[in-house]
Amino acid sequence: MQEDLLNKVEIPGQAGNDEKGAGNDVSSSDEMFEHFRLLVDKGQEPVRIDKYIAEHQEDTSRNRVQQAIKLGYVLVNDKPVKANYIVRPSDVVKFVMPYERRGTEILPENIPLDITYEDNDVLVVNKPAGMVVHPGHGNYNGTLVNALAYYLHLSPDVEDERMGVLVHRIDKDTSGLLVVAKNPAAQLNLADQFFVHSIDRIYTAVVWGNIAEDEGTIEGTIGRDPNDRLRFRVYDDPDKGKWAVTHWRVLERFGFITVVECRLETGRTHQIRVHMASIGHPLFNDERYGGSEIRQGTIYAKYKQFIQNCFSLCPRQALHARTLGFTHPATGERLHFEAALPEDMVALIEKWRNYTNSLVGTND
């Protein structure tokens, strides 16, 4: 029997596994590529590795496999091989592939992009809050992919909602940095960096409550909430989702809220939002995870009005992908990018800073 798709991620409605847990119809990664594992049958006759993968992996062409082999992203028994490698019974074959086309027509749209960096291989974009990354689920235009289709002069008849350029994503109402691959070789290289967790991703978040410690790590399996398919939750059972790790550090305290820095070790859907909520500190104004309610503070009408004003200033979860670092897929140079906090989060933090200072002045 083929032991396939043991590391397939971000395919809506399909199961997949990761290093520390199986998926349960969970789209639980923000990374836009797939990882596969094949166990060669004991009765397998000798055959080249490129032919073997093309024959045993659905919708995968031999040319596509050969490209992955050339870039070093096909491993047999954890070692890279050439296209003429002959598979043997019980070999363990692992490989990385960008997503195949999904049959959704992409219409180029002239939507302004905030481009942080660009060369022949990669593009780094600072996505605003409110922009969906790729089409689907009722969002078939106005997305980052539609904007990229126009900017990169891609053909309107491309029928692939990811178009072979996206490597990862962030939520609609999260702002910040995304890296885009401009060719298949760059995408495979970046995909591998995400897989081995060598990409630096640091977020700034505003969360409810005064966190007792100055820093910490949250670990756990993230899977869909059976009571609400749009939510995720942390499970003790590793078979109910995918392993996720978030490292956090306090940046500033305002009594009833805390500004934190979150560094991702893994990239699961809603990871920071789910992890912070799991320790009792949901993101400020995160409606899906309880952050749009007053979680800390007083019962007085003046305070309630203050919170409503804060929600109006930052009408989304207070989360920003601030830092992105990766190795350039062509030059090997380590690149590092920073995106300043957007105006809504700056205004929110400043309002809380003034509020806290006014309370200190009252007590003097």
Protein backbone atom coordinates (compact mmCIF):
# COMPACT_ATOMS: atom_id res chain seq x y z
CA MET A 1 0.00 0.00 0.00
CA GLN A 2 1.20 3.52 -0.76
CA GLU A 3 1.67 5.60 2.36
CA ASP A 4 1.09 8.86 0.53
CA LEU A 5 0.18 12.42 1.42
CA LEU A 6 1.61 12.12 4.92
CA ASN A 7 2.69 15.73 4.83
CA LYS A 8 0.13 17.36 2.55
CA VAL A 9 -0.95 20.78 3.81
CA GLU A 10 -3.51 23.49 3.07
CA ILE A 11 -5.84 21.48 0.84
CA PRO A 12 -9.39 22.45 1.83
CA GLY A 13 -11.57 19.48 2.74
CA GLN A 14 -8.81 16.89 2.69
CA ALA A 15 -6.89 15.21 5.45
CA GLY A 16 -3.15 15.61 5.86
CA ASN A 17 -0.41 14.89 8.36
CA ASP A 18 2.59 16.74 9.65
CA GLU A 19 5.62 15.97 11.79
CA LYS A 20 3.59 15.53 14.96
CA GLY A 21 -0.01 14.87 14.08
CA ALA A 22 -2.58 13.95 11.49
CA GLY A 23 -5.10 16.26 9.93
CA ASN A 24 -8.85 15.91 10.31
CA ASP A 25 -10.25 17.63 7.21
CA VAL A 26 -8.17 20.55 8.46
CA SER A 27 -6.65 23.29 6.33
CA SER A 28 -4.12 23.98 9.04
CA SER A 29 -1.19 25.69 7.42
CA ASP A 30 -0.56 29.13 6.03
CA GLU A 31 2.03 27.72 3.63
CA MET A 32 0.96 27.39 0.00
CA PHE A 33 2.75 24.21 -0.99
CA GLU A 34 2.53 20.47 -0.44
CA HIS A 35 4.80 17.91 1.18
CA PHE A 36 4.48 14.25 0.23
CA ARG A 37 5.79 10.93 1.47
CA LEU A 38 5.65 7.66 -0.46
CA LEU A 39 6.61 4.23 0.83
CA VAL A 40 7.77 1.98 -2.01
CA ASP A 41 5.99 -1.38 -2.11
CA LYS A 42 8.02 -4.49 -1.29
CA GLY A 43 7.17 -5.90 -4.72
CA GLN A 44 8.12 -2.78 -6.68
CA GLU A 45 10.18 -3.49 -9.81
CA PRO A 46 13.24 -1.28 -10.53
CA VAL A 47 12.22 2.08 -12.02
CA ARG A 48 13.66 5.60 -12.19
CA ILE A 49 12.62 7.87 -9.34
CA ASP A 50 11.13 10.54 -11.63
CA LYS A 51 8.95 7.99 -13.38
CA TYR A 52 7.97 6.35 -10.10
CA ILE A 53 6.75 9.60 -8.54
CA ALA A 54 4.91 10.69 -11.69
CA GLU A 55 3.10 7.33 -11.82
CA HIS A 56 2.24 7.19 -8.12
CA GLN A 57 1.38 10.83 -7.40
CA GLU A 58 -1.93 12.07 -8.78
CA ASP A 59 -1.81 15.08 -11.14
CA THR A 60 1.99 15.29 -11.05
CA SER A 61 3.84 15.42 -14.39
CA ARG A 62 7.26 13.90 -14.92
CA ASN A 63 8.67 17.31 -15.91
CA ARG A 64 7.40 18.76 -12.65
CA VAL A 65 9.07 15.94 -10.72
CA GLN A 66 12.35 16.39 -12.61
CA GLN A 67 12.38 20.07 -11.74
CA ALA A 68 11.95 19.27 -8.05
CA ILE A 69 14.75 16.66 -8.28
CA LYS A 70 17.07 19.17 -9.97
CA LEU A 71 16.51 21.62 -7.12
CA GLY A 72 17.21 18.97 -4.50
CA TYR A 73 13.66 18.66 -3.16
CA VAL A 74 13.26 14.93 -3.69
CA LEU A 75 14.74 12.78 -0.94
CA VAL A 76 15.01 9.01 -0.75
CA ASN A 77 15.70 7.74 2.74
CA ASP A 78 16.37 11.39 3.71
CA LYS A 79 19.07 11.91 1.05
CA PRO A 80 18.71 13.94 -2.20
CA VAL A 81 18.83 11.87 -5.38
CA LYS A 82 19.19 12.40 -9.12
CA ALA A 83 16.47 11.68 -11.68
CA ASN A 84 18.13 8.42 -12.70
CA TYR A 85 18.01 6.96 -9.18
CA ILE A 86 16.40 3.51 -9.24
CA VAL A 87 13.86 3.03 -6.47
CA ARG A 88 14.10 -0.05 -4.32
CA PRO A 89 11.50 -1.86 -2.23
CA SER A 90 10.81 -0.14 1.12
CA ASP A 91 12.49 3.13 0.05
CA VAL A 92 10.94 6.18 1.71
CA VAL A 93 10.46 8.96 -0.84
CA LYS A 94 9.80 12.52 0.35
CA PHE A 95 9.29 15.54 -1.90
CA VAL A 96 7.92 19.09 -2.02
CA MET A 97 5.62 20.42 -4.75
CA PRO A 98 3.86 23.76 -5.28
CA TYR A 99 0.10 23.53 -5.53
CA GLU A 100 -1.44 22.45 -8.79
CA ARG A 101 -4.16 24.44 -10.50
CA ARG A 102 -7.61 24.38 -8.94
CA GLY A 103 -9.83 25.50 -11.82
CA THR A 104 -10.62 29.04 -10.64
CA GLU A 105 -10.17 31.73 -13.28
CA ILE A 106 -8.00 34.60 -12.12
CA LEU A 107 -8.89 38.06 -13.42
CA PRO A 108 -6.04 40.60 -13.24
CA GLU A 109 -7.11 43.72 -11.34
CA ASN A 110 -5.30 47.02 -11.10
CA ILE A 111 -5.10 47.10 -7.32
CA PRO A 112 -2.23 49.11 -5.78
CA LEU A 113 0.44 47.00 -4.07
CA ASP A 114 2.73 48.14 -1.26
CA ILE A 115 5.95 46.50 -2.50
CA THR A 116 8.75 46.31 0.03
CA TYR A 117 11.27 44.52 -2.21
CA GLU A 118 11.44 43.05 -5.71
CA ASP A 119 13.96 41.35 -8.00
CA ASN A 120 13.79 38.72 -10.75
CA ASP A 121 12.94 35.90 -8.33
CA VAL A 122 10.97 37.24 -5.38
CA LEU A 123 8.56 39.96 -4.41
CA VAL A 124 7.88 41.06 -0.82
CA VAL A 125 4.49 42.70 -0.30
CA ASN A 126 3.12 44.57 2.70
CA LYS A 127 -0.53 43.45 2.68
CA PRO A 128 -3.11 45.80 4.20
CA ALA A 129 -5.71 44.54 6.65
CA GLY A 130 -8.97 43.69 4.90
CA MET A 131 -7.40 42.23 1.76
CA VAL A 132 -7.98 38.52 1.12
CA VAL A 133 -4.84 36.73 -0.08
CA HIS A 134 -6.34 34.36 -2.67
CA PRO A 135 -9.80 33.86 -4.21
CA GLY A 136 -12.32 31.46 -2.73
CA HIS A 137 -15.26 31.18 -0.34
CA GLY A 138 -17.09 34.17 -1.85
CA ASN A 139 -13.98 36.29 -2.44
CA TYR A 140 -13.29 35.93 -6.15
CA ASN A 141 -11.96 39.41 -6.83
CA GLY A 142 -10.16 42.18 -5.02
CA THR A 143 -7.63 39.70 -3.63
CA LEU A 144 -3.86 39.88 -3.47
CA VAL A 145 -3.67 37.23 -6.18
CA ASN A 146 -5.84 39.34 -8.50
CA ALA A 147 -3.50 42.28 -7.88
CA LEU A 148 -0.44 40.11 -8.53
CA ALA A 149 -1.96 38.81 -11.77
CA TYR A 150 -2.15 42.39 -13.02
CA TYR A 151 1.21 43.51 -11.68
CA LEU A 152 3.09 40.48 -13.03
CA HIS A 153 1.25 40.60 -16.39
CA LEU A 154 -0.10 37.09 -16.04
CA SER A 155 -2.58 35.83 -18.60
CA PRO A 156 -6.26 36.31 -17.68
CA ASP A 157 -6.97 32.68 -18.57
CA VAL A 158 -4.72 31.34 -15.81
CA GLU A 159 -6.98 29.01 -13.84
CA ASP A 160 -5.11 28.67 -10.58
CA GLU A 161 -6.07 30.64 -7.52
CA ARG A 162 -2.50 30.46 -6.26
CA MET A 163 -0.88 30.75 -9.70
CA GLY A 164 2.38 29.19 -8.58
CA VAL A 165 3.51 32.41 -6.90
CA LEU A 166 2.25 32.27 -3.33
CA VAL A 167 4.29 30.40 -0.76
CA HIS A 168 2.33 31.32 2.37
CA ARG A 169 -0.54 33.54 3.42
CA ILE A 170 -1.88 35.66 6.26
CA ASP A 171 -5.49 36.17 7.31
CA LYS A 172 -7.70 38.77 5.64
CA ASP A 173 -7.76 41.05 8.68
CA THR A 174 -4.08 40.61 9.51
CA SER A 175 -1.69 43.12 7.97
CA GLY A 176 1.95 42.70 7.07
CA LEU A 177 4.64 41.03 4.99
CA LEU A 178 4.30 38.20 2.49
CA VAL A 179 6.94 36.79 0.15
CA VAL A 180 5.88 35.96 -3.41
CA ALA A 181 7.85 33.69 -5.76
CA LYS A 182 8.13 34.92 -9.34
CA ASN A 183 9.14 31.59 -10.85
CA PRO A 184 8.75 27.86 -10.03
CA ALA A 185 12.37 27.43 -8.94
CA ALA A 186 12.06 30.25 -6.40
CA GLN A 187 8.78 28.85 -5.12
CA LEU A 188 10.23 25.39 -4.51
CA ASN A 189 13.23 26.87 -2.74
CA LEU A 190 11.09 29.04 -0.48
CA ALA A 191 8.74 26.12 0.13
CA ASP A 192 11.65 24.11 1.44
CA GLN A 193 12.67 26.95 3.77
CA PHE A 194 9.18 27.03 5.23
CA PHE A 195 9.25 23.26 5.62
CA VAL A 196 12.50 23.26 7.62
CA HIS A 197 11.36 26.32 9.63
CA SER A 198 14.25 28.54 8.48
CA ILE A 199 11.95 31.45 7.58
CA ASP A 200 11.86 34.23 10.20
CA ARG A 201 8.32 35.45 10.87
CA ILE A 202 7.70 37.86 13.73
CA TYR A 203 4.32 39.48 14.45
CA THR A 204 3.21 42.30 16.70
CA ALA A 205 -0.09 41.70 18.49
CA VAL A 206 -2.26 43.44 21.05
CA VAL A 207 -3.90 40.95 23.41
CA TRP A 208 -6.37 41.17 26.26
CA GLY A 209 -5.09 40.96 29.83
CA ASN A 210 -1.84 41.58 31.65
CA ILE A 211 0.31 38.53 30.93
CA ALA A 212 2.13 37.53 34.08
CA GLU A 213 5.39 36.39 32.47
CA ASP A 214 7.67 38.44 30.24
CA GLU A 215 8.05 35.72 27.61
CA GLY A 216 7.08 32.15 26.91
CA THR A 217 6.29 29.44 24.37
CA ILE A 218 2.92 27.97 23.45
CA GLU A 219 2.87 24.47 21.99
CA GLY A 220 -0.01 22.25 20.98
CA THR A 221 -1.92 20.58 18.21
CA ILE A 222 -4.19 22.96 16.28
CA GLY A 223 -7.30 21.58 14.59
CA ARG A 224 -10.79 22.69 13.65
CA ASP A 225 -13.36 23.26 16.36
CA PRO A 226 -16.09 20.63 15.81
CA ASN A 227 -18.70 23.11 17.05
CA ASP A 228 -17.65 25.88 14.65
CA ARG A 229 -15.90 24.96 11.41
CA LEU A 230 -14.61 28.52 10.99
CA ARG A 231 -12.69 28.33 14.26
CA PHE A 232 -9.64 26.37 15.33
CA ARG A 233 -8.62 25.20 18.78
CA VAL A 234 -5.73 23.57 20.63
CA TYR A 235 -5.99 19.82 21.30
CA ASP A 236 -4.03 17.53 23.59
CA ASP A 237 -4.57 14.71 21.09
CA PRO A 238 -1.91 14.91 18.32
CA ASP A 239 -4.24 13.10 15.91
CA LYS A 240 -6.76 15.96 15.87
CA GLY A 241 -4.68 18.52 14.02
CA LYS A 242 -1.16 19.75 13.38
CA TRP A 243 1.62 20.55 15.80
CA ALA A 244 2.19 24.28 16.27
CA VAL A 245 4.73 26.36 18.20
CA THR A 246 4.55 30.09 18.97
CA HIS A 247 7.20 31.99 20.96
CA TRP A 248 6.00 35.25 22.51
CA ARG A 249 7.59 38.18 24.33
CA VAL A 250 6.00 41.18 26.07
CA LEU A 251 6.77 44.53 24.46
CA GLU A 252 4.58 46.87 26.51
CA ARG A 253 1.96 46.57 29.23
CA PHE A 254 -1.13 48.72 29.68
CA GLY A 255 -2.81 46.98 32.60
CA PHE A 256 -5.85 45.58 30.82
CA ILE A 257 -4.07 44.79 27.55
CA THR A 258 -0.54 43.77 26.55
CA VAL A 259 1.46 44.38 23.39
CA VAL A 260 3.40 41.25 22.50
CA GLU A 261 5.83 40.01 19.89
CA CYS A 262 5.05 36.55 18.50
CA ARG A 263 7.61 34.50 16.59
CA LEU A 264 6.26 31.61 14.56
CA GLU A 265 8.12 28.33 14.52
CA THR A 266 5.33 26.71 12.49
CA GLY A 267 2.68 28.22 10.22
CA ARG A 268 -0.83 27.02 10.97
CA THR A 269 -4.09 28.74 10.08
CA HIS A 270 -4.99 31.28 12.80
CA GLN A 271 -1.98 30.05 14.81
CA ILE A 272 -1.26 33.18 16.87
CA ARG A 273 -4.96 33.91 17.32
CA VAL A 274 -5.67 30.37 18.53
CA HIS A 275 -2.57 30.07 20.72
CA MET A 276 -3.04 33.38 22.52
CA ALA A 277 -6.74 32.65 23.09
CA SER A 278 -5.80 29.23 24.48
CA ILE A 279 -3.84 30.84 27.33
CA GLY A 280 -6.62 33.30 28.12
CA HIS A 281 -5.27 36.27 26.16
CA PRO A 282 -7.21 36.55 22.88
CA LEU A 283 -6.19 39.22 20.39
CA PHE A 284 -7.83 42.59 20.89
CA ASN A 285 -10.97 42.87 18.72
CA ASP A 286 -10.63 39.33 17.36
CA GLU A 287 -14.33 38.53 16.98
CA ARG A 288 -13.83 34.87 16.10
CA TYR A 289 -11.86 34.09 19.26
CA GLY A 290 -13.65 36.26 21.82
CA GLY A 291 -11.49 39.35 21.56
CA SER A 292 -14.30 41.68 20.49
CA GLU A 293 -15.80 41.56 23.98
CA ILE A 294 -14.58 43.45 27.04
CA ARG A 295 -12.32 40.89 28.73
CA GLN A 296 -10.57 43.11 31.29
CA GLY A 297 -11.25 46.41 33.02
CA THR A 298 -14.04 48.16 34.89
CA ILE A 299 -17.80 48.02 34.65
CA TYR A 300 -18.24 51.77 34.29
CA ALA A 301 -19.93 53.27 31.23
CA LYS A 302 -16.97 55.60 30.57
CA TYR A 303 -14.62 52.60 30.28
CA LYS A 304 -17.04 50.72 28.04
CA GLN A 305 -17.20 53.72 25.74
CA PHE A 306 -13.40 53.89 25.74
CA ILE A 307 -13.23 50.25 24.59
CA GLN A 308 -15.80 50.85 21.85
CA ASN A 309 -13.70 53.79 20.65
CA CYS A 310 -10.68 51.49 20.59
CA PHE A 311 -12.60 48.92 18.55
CA SER A 312 -13.51 51.69 16.10
CA LEU A 313 -9.89 52.76 15.80
CA CYS A 314 -8.76 49.23 15.00
CA PRO A 315 -11.81 47.40 13.57
CA ARG A 316 -10.07 44.03 13.19
CA GLN A 317 -7.85 41.68 15.17
CA ALA A 318 -4.79 43.66 16.25
CA LEU A 319 -2.16 41.54 14.49
CA HIS A 320 0.61 42.62 12.12
CA ALA A 321 3.25 40.51 10.34
CA ARG A 322 6.13 42.86 11.11
CA THR A 323 9.28 40.90 10.25
CA LEU A 324 10.10 38.50 7.43
CA GLY A 325 13.48 36.91 6.85
CA PHE A 326 14.55 34.26 4.35
CA THR A 327 17.46 33.09 2.21
CA HIS A 328 17.28 34.38 -1.35
CA PRO A 329 16.46 31.36 -3.56
CA ALA A 330 18.97 32.35 -6.27
CA THR A 331 21.82 34.22 -4.56
CA GLY A 332 21.83 32.51 -1.17
CA GLU A 333 21.91 35.90 0.55
CA ARG A 334 19.98 36.20 3.80
CA LEU A 335 17.31 38.89 3.43
CA HIS A 336 15.47 40.63 6.26
CA PHE A 337 12.48 42.96 5.97
CA GLU A 338 10.50 45.06 8.43
CA ALA A 339 7.04 46.60 8.00
CA ALA A 340 6.09 49.40 10.37
CA LEU A 341 2.89 49.03 12.33
CA PRO A 342 -0.13 50.25 10.33
CA GLU A 343 -1.93 53.39 11.40
CA ASP A 344 -4.85 51.61 13.07
CA MET A 345 -2.61 49.64 15.44
CA VAL A 346 -0.41 52.67 16.12
CA ALA A 347 -3.53 54.67 17.05
CA LEU A 348 -4.84 51.83 19.22
CA ILE A 349 -1.61 51.48 21.18
CA GLU A 350 -1.25 55.24 21.60
CA LYS A 351 -4.82 55.50 22.90
CA TRP A 352 -4.11 52.83 25.50
CA ARG A 353 -0.82 54.49 26.42
CA ASN A 354 -2.61 57.79 27.03
CA TYR A 355 -5.36 56.04 28.99
CA THR A 356 -2.84 54.28 31.25
CA ASN A 357 -0.90 57.49 31.80
CA SER A 358 -4.11 59.30 32.76
CA LEU A 359 -4.85 56.64 35.38
CA VAL A 360 -1.35 57.02 36.83
CA GLY A 361 -1.82 60.78 36.96
CA THR A 362 -5.15 60.35 38.77
CA ASN A 363 -3.49 58.21 41.46
CA ASP A 364 -0.64 60.66 42.06
